[in-house]
Structure formats: structure tokens, C-alpha cells
Amino acid sequence: MTFPSIDAYILQFPSEVQDTLRTLRKVIKESAPLADEKISYQMPAFALHGILVYFAAYKKHIGFYPTSSGITAFKRELSAYKTSKGAVQFPIGKPLPYELIGRIVKYRVAENKKRAEDRLKKRQSH
């Protein structure tokens, strides 16, 4: 299924999952106010100088994808959750750690911004 927008993506889920996804989206937007929202790989995504984070809902969890650097930087704080190289799973029915998610998003914004500035400096020096 192809989704034209994040709103359309969220609407396919039961109302309690929709509420969680809307709150997650709000936290990401507040943490990265200049980021663009889009659908990428059939998931909601936020981009600023490249992808910051993705999220998706599944039957038993909410997947949050802050890339491998976002997982590594917050590994200790994410230890209560199932993680992989670039993803963390938050069980459905339990509160999401929104404050932590906000910090991870801000970390990713700073990381992408620095990478973009470094690329610009490199280009200007040639």
C-alpha cells in the first residue's frame, strides 16, 4: 500500500495506536521544527539535510528508526527496549519514552547539520 501522507498512514491503525503515532509525530516535529515530513519506504519520515528518523506501527510495537548513530548514542537509555543496529521497538500498550525520543531527534538534527556544514566547507575549500 502506498500512502500519500503521514496522516493517511496514521489513519489505517486502531484509534489508540493513532493517538500514540500522533503524539510521536508531534514530539518529532517539536524536536526538529525545520524538518520536512514525508513518506519514505512506506513509513513516515522526517528529513533535514537527509533523513533524521522514520517511524512505523506494527501489530505489537511501534518501530522508531533514528539510524545506527541514534541507537548507538543512546544505547544505555534504550537498553530496556528491543533494539537492532538502526531501530528500536516500543511495545504497543506501554507509554513511549517521548522525552528520550525528543533528545534522540535533536541529536540526529545536530548530526545531520554538522555533516551538511562539513560537506559545504569541503566544497568551498576545493
C-alpha atoms as a PDB file:
ATOM      1  CA  MET A   1       0.000   0.000   0.000  1.00  0.00           C
ATOM      2  CA  THR A   2       1.236   3.484  -0.852  1.00  0.00           C
ATOM      3  CA  PHE A   3       0.456   6.370   1.484  1.00  0.00           C
ATOM      4  CA  PRO A   4       0.117   9.929   0.174  1.00  0.00           C
ATOM      5  CA  SER A   5       0.829  11.468   3.587  1.00  0.00           C
ATOM      6  CA  ILE A   6       1.671  10.744   7.210  1.00  0.00           C
ATOM      7  CA  ASP A   7      -1.969  11.471   8.086  1.00  0.00           C
ATOM      8  CA  ALA A   8      -3.114   8.745   5.682  1.00  0.00           C
ATOM      9  CA  TYR A   9      -0.553   6.360   7.179  1.00  0.00           C
ATOM     10  CA  ILE A  10      -1.757   7.008  10.746  1.00  0.00           C
ATOM     11  CA  LEU A  11      -5.444   6.595   9.831  1.00  0.00           C
ATOM     12  CA  GLN A  12      -5.014   2.904   8.937  1.00  0.00           C
ATOM     13  CA  PHE A  13      -4.453   1.929  12.593  1.00  0.00           C
ATOM     14  CA  PRO A  14      -6.818   1.465  15.569  1.00  0.00           C
ATOM     15  CA  SER A  15      -7.606   4.683  17.438  1.00  0.00           C
ATOM     16  CA  GLU A  16      -5.316   4.022  20.425  1.00  0.00           C
ATOM     17  CA  VAL A  17      -2.376   3.394  18.055  1.00  0.00           C
ATOM     18  CA  GLN A  18      -3.340   6.520  16.079  1.00  0.00           C
ATOM     19  CA  ASP A  19      -3.120   8.541  19.304  1.00  0.00           C
ATOM     20  CA  THR A  20       0.357   7.180  20.025  1.00  0.00           C
ATOM     21  CA  LEU A  21       1.513   7.862  16.452  1.00  0.00           C
ATOM     22  CA  ARG A  22       0.117  11.413  16.531  1.00  0.00           C
ATOM     23  CA  THR A  23       1.925  12.116  19.807  1.00  0.00           C
ATOM     24  CA  LEU A  24       5.137  10.609  18.432  1.00  0.00           C
ATOM     25  CA  ARG A  25       4.830  12.768  15.317  1.00  0.00           C
ATOM     26  CA  LYS A  26       4.255  15.870  17.470  1.00  0.00           C
ATOM     27  CA  VAL A  27       7.337  15.128  19.601  1.00  0.00           C
ATOM     28  CA  ILE A  28       9.463  14.682  16.470  1.00  0.00           C
ATOM     29  CA  LYS A  29       8.119  17.930  14.936  1.00  0.00           C
ATOM     30  CA  GLU A  30       8.783  19.854  18.155  1.00  0.00           C
ATOM     31  CA  SER A  31      12.309  18.437  18.340  1.00  0.00           C
ATOM     32  CA  ALA A  32      13.040  19.141  14.655  1.00  0.00           C
ATOM     33  CA  PRO A  33      10.779  22.069  13.686  1.00  0.00           C
ATOM     34  CA  LEU A  34      12.584  22.691  10.370  1.00  0.00           C
ATOM     35  CA  ALA A  35      12.382  19.069   9.218  1.00  0.00           C
ATOM     36  CA  ASP A  36      10.263  18.064   6.249  1.00  0.00           C
ATOM     37  CA  GLU A  37       7.699  15.319   6.682  1.00  0.00           C
ATOM     38  CA  LYS A  38       7.426  12.662   4.033  1.00  0.00           C
ATOM     39  CA  ILE A  39       6.683   9.024   3.366  1.00  0.00           C
ATOM     40  CA  SER A  40       9.819   7.035   2.599  1.00  0.00           C
ATOM     41  CA  TYR A  41       9.996   3.233   2.360  1.00  0.00           C
ATOM     42  CA  GLN A  42       6.225   3.327   3.098  1.00  0.00           C
ATOM     43  CA  MET A  43       6.923   4.812   6.551  1.00  0.00           C
ATOM     44  CA  PRO A  44       6.556   8.303   7.988  1.00  0.00           C
ATOM     45  CA  ALA A  45       9.929  10.034   7.816  1.00  0.00           C
ATOM     46  CA  PHE A  46      11.410  13.355   8.835  1.00  0.00           C
ATOM     47  CA  ALA A  47      14.257  14.859   6.839  1.00  0.00           C
ATOM     48  CA  LEU A  48      16.630  17.763   7.404  1.00  0.00           C
ATOM     49  CA  HIS A  49      19.915  17.586   5.485  1.00  0.00           C
ATOM     50  CA  GLY A  50      18.988  13.956   4.895  1.00  0.00           C
ATOM     51  CA  ILE A  51      16.757  11.554   6.811  1.00  0.00           C
ATOM     52  CA  LEU A  52      16.583  12.165  10.558  1.00  0.00           C
ATOM     53  CA  VAL A  53      14.200   9.429  11.690  1.00  0.00           C
ATOM     54  CA  TYR A  54      11.464   7.098  10.490  1.00  0.00           C
ATOM     55  CA  PHE A  55       8.665   5.520  12.493  1.00  0.00           C
ATOM     56  CA  ALA A  56       6.131   2.800  11.826  1.00  0.00           C
ATOM     57  CA  ALA A  57       3.426   0.850  13.635  1.00  0.00           C
ATOM     58  CA  TYR A  58       3.213  -2.910  13.702  1.00  0.00           C
ATOM     59  CA  LYS A  59       0.905  -5.389  15.395  1.00  0.00           C
ATOM     60  CA  LYS A  60       2.829  -5.462  18.694  1.00  0.00           C
ATOM     61  CA  HIS A  61       5.181  -2.483  18.610  1.00  0.00           C
ATOM     62  CA  ILE A  62       5.997   0.971  17.320  1.00  0.00           C
ATOM     63  CA  GLY A  63       9.237   0.950  15.358  1.00  0.00           C
ATOM     64  CA  PHE A  64      11.438   4.029  15.696  1.00  0.00           C
ATOM     65  CA  TYR A  65      14.384   4.328  13.317  1.00  0.00           C
ATOM     66  CA  PRO A  66      16.908   7.036  14.237  1.00  0.00           C
ATOM     67  CA  THR A  67      19.699   5.395  12.174  1.00  0.00           C
ATOM     68  CA  SER A  68      22.519   3.427  13.762  1.00  0.00           C
ATOM     69  CA  SER A  69      24.175   6.545  15.208  1.00  0.00           C
ATOM     70  CA  GLY A  70      20.980   7.470  17.079  1.00  0.00           C
ATOM     71  CA  ILE A  71      20.784   3.964  18.555  1.00  0.00           C
ATOM     72  CA  THR A  72      24.488   3.878  19.480  1.00  0.00           C
ATOM     73  CA  ALA A  73      24.478   7.325  21.122  1.00  0.00           C
ATOM     74  CA  PHE A  74      21.544   6.405  23.394  1.00  0.00           C
ATOM     75  CA  LYS A  75      22.287   2.687  23.776  1.00  0.00           C
ATOM     76  CA  ARG A  76      22.226   2.718  27.592  1.00  0.00           C
ATOM     77  CA  GLU A  77      18.933   4.631  27.780  1.00  0.00           C
ATOM     78  CA  LEU A  78      17.375   2.336  25.175  1.00  0.00           C
ATOM     79  CA  SER A  79      18.518  -0.846  26.946  1.00  0.00           C
ATOM     80  CA  ALA A  80      15.000  -1.553  28.282  1.00  0.00           C
ATOM     81  CA  TYR A  81      13.755  -1.938  24.686  1.00  0.00           C
ATOM     82  CA  LYS A  82      14.471  -4.349  21.858  1.00  0.00           C
ATOM     83  CA  THR A  83      16.976  -2.669  19.554  1.00  0.00           C
ATOM     84  CA  SER A  84      18.883  -3.522  16.415  1.00  0.00           C
ATOM     85  CA  LYS A  85      21.535  -1.610  14.504  1.00  0.00           C
ATOM     86  CA  GLY A  86      19.208   1.198  13.414  1.00  0.00           C
ATOM     87  CA  ALA A  87      15.904   0.541  15.143  1.00  0.00           C
ATOM     88  CA  VAL A  88      14.160   0.377  18.480  1.00  0.00           C
ATOM     89  CA  GLN A  89      10.839  -1.319  19.238  1.00  0.00           C
ATOM     90  CA  PHE A  90       8.434   0.271  21.717  1.00  0.00           C
ATOM     91  CA  PRO A  91       5.712  -2.212  22.781  1.00  0.00           C
ATOM     92  CA  ILE A  92       2.153  -1.175  21.919  1.00  0.00           C
ATOM     93  CA  GLY A  93       0.093  -0.591  25.042  1.00  0.00           C
ATOM     94  CA  LYS A  94       3.003   0.825  27.055  1.00  0.00           C
ATOM     95  CA  PRO A  95       3.900   4.527  27.215  1.00  0.00           C
ATOM     96  CA  LEU A  96       6.583   5.635  24.798  1.00  0.00           C
ATOM     97  CA  PRO A  97       9.618   7.453  26.258  1.00  0.00           C
ATOM     98  CA  TYR A  98       8.763  10.729  24.486  1.00  0.00           C
ATOM     99  CA  GLU A  99      11.369  12.789  26.333  1.00  0.00           C
ATOM    100  CA  LEU A 100      14.097  10.346  25.240  1.00  0.00           C
ATOM    101  CA  ILE A 101      12.726  10.275  21.689  1.00  0.00           C
ATOM    102  CA  GLY A 102      12.893  14.081  21.603  1.00  0.00           C
ATOM    103  CA  ARG A 103      16.541  14.008  22.674  1.00  0.00           C
ATOM    104  CA  ILE A 104      17.377  11.393  20.048  1.00  0.00           C
ATOM    105  CA  VAL A 105      15.720  13.512  17.330  1.00  0.00           C
ATOM    106  CA  LYS A 106      17.653  16.616  18.464  1.00  0.00           C
ATOM    107  CA  TYR A 107      20.859  14.569  18.390  1.00  0.00           C
ATOM    108  CA  ARG A 108      20.089  13.482  14.818  1.00  0.00           C
ATOM    109  CA  VAL A 109      19.339  17.100  13.787  1.00  0.00           C
ATOM    110  CA  ALA A 110      22.737  18.215  15.142  1.00  0.00           C
ATOM    111  CA  GLU A 111      24.461  15.284  13.468  1.00  0.00           C
ATOM    112  CA  ASN A 112      22.904  15.932  10.040  1.00  0.00           C
ATOM    113  CA  LYS A 113      23.518  19.678  10.333  1.00  0.00           C
ATOM    114  CA  LYS A 114      27.211  19.134  11.129  1.00  0.00           C
ATOM    115  CA  ARG A 115      27.572  16.688   8.230  1.00  0.00           C
ATOM    116  CA  ALA A 116      25.967  19.213   5.846  1.00  0.00           C
ATOM    117  CA  GLU A 117      28.250  22.010   7.137  1.00  0.00           C
ATOM    118  CA  ASP A 118      31.323  19.778   6.762  1.00  0.00           C
ATOM    119  CA  ARG A 119      30.355  18.956   3.159  1.00  0.00           C
ATOM    120  CA  LEU A 120      29.885  22.652   2.418  1.00  0.00           C
ATOM    121  CA  LYS A 121      33.293  23.539   3.911  1.00  0.00           C
ATOM    122  CA  LYS A 122      34.928  20.763   1.910  1.00  0.00           C
ATOM    123  CA  ARG A 123      33.361  22.074  -1.311  1.00  0.00           C
ATOM    124  CA  GLN A 124      34.390  25.656  -0.559  1.00  0.00           C
ATOM    125  CA  SER A 125      37.998  24.641   0.105  1.00  0.00           C
ATOM    126  CA  HIS A 126      38.378  22.992  -3.336  1.00  0.00           C
END
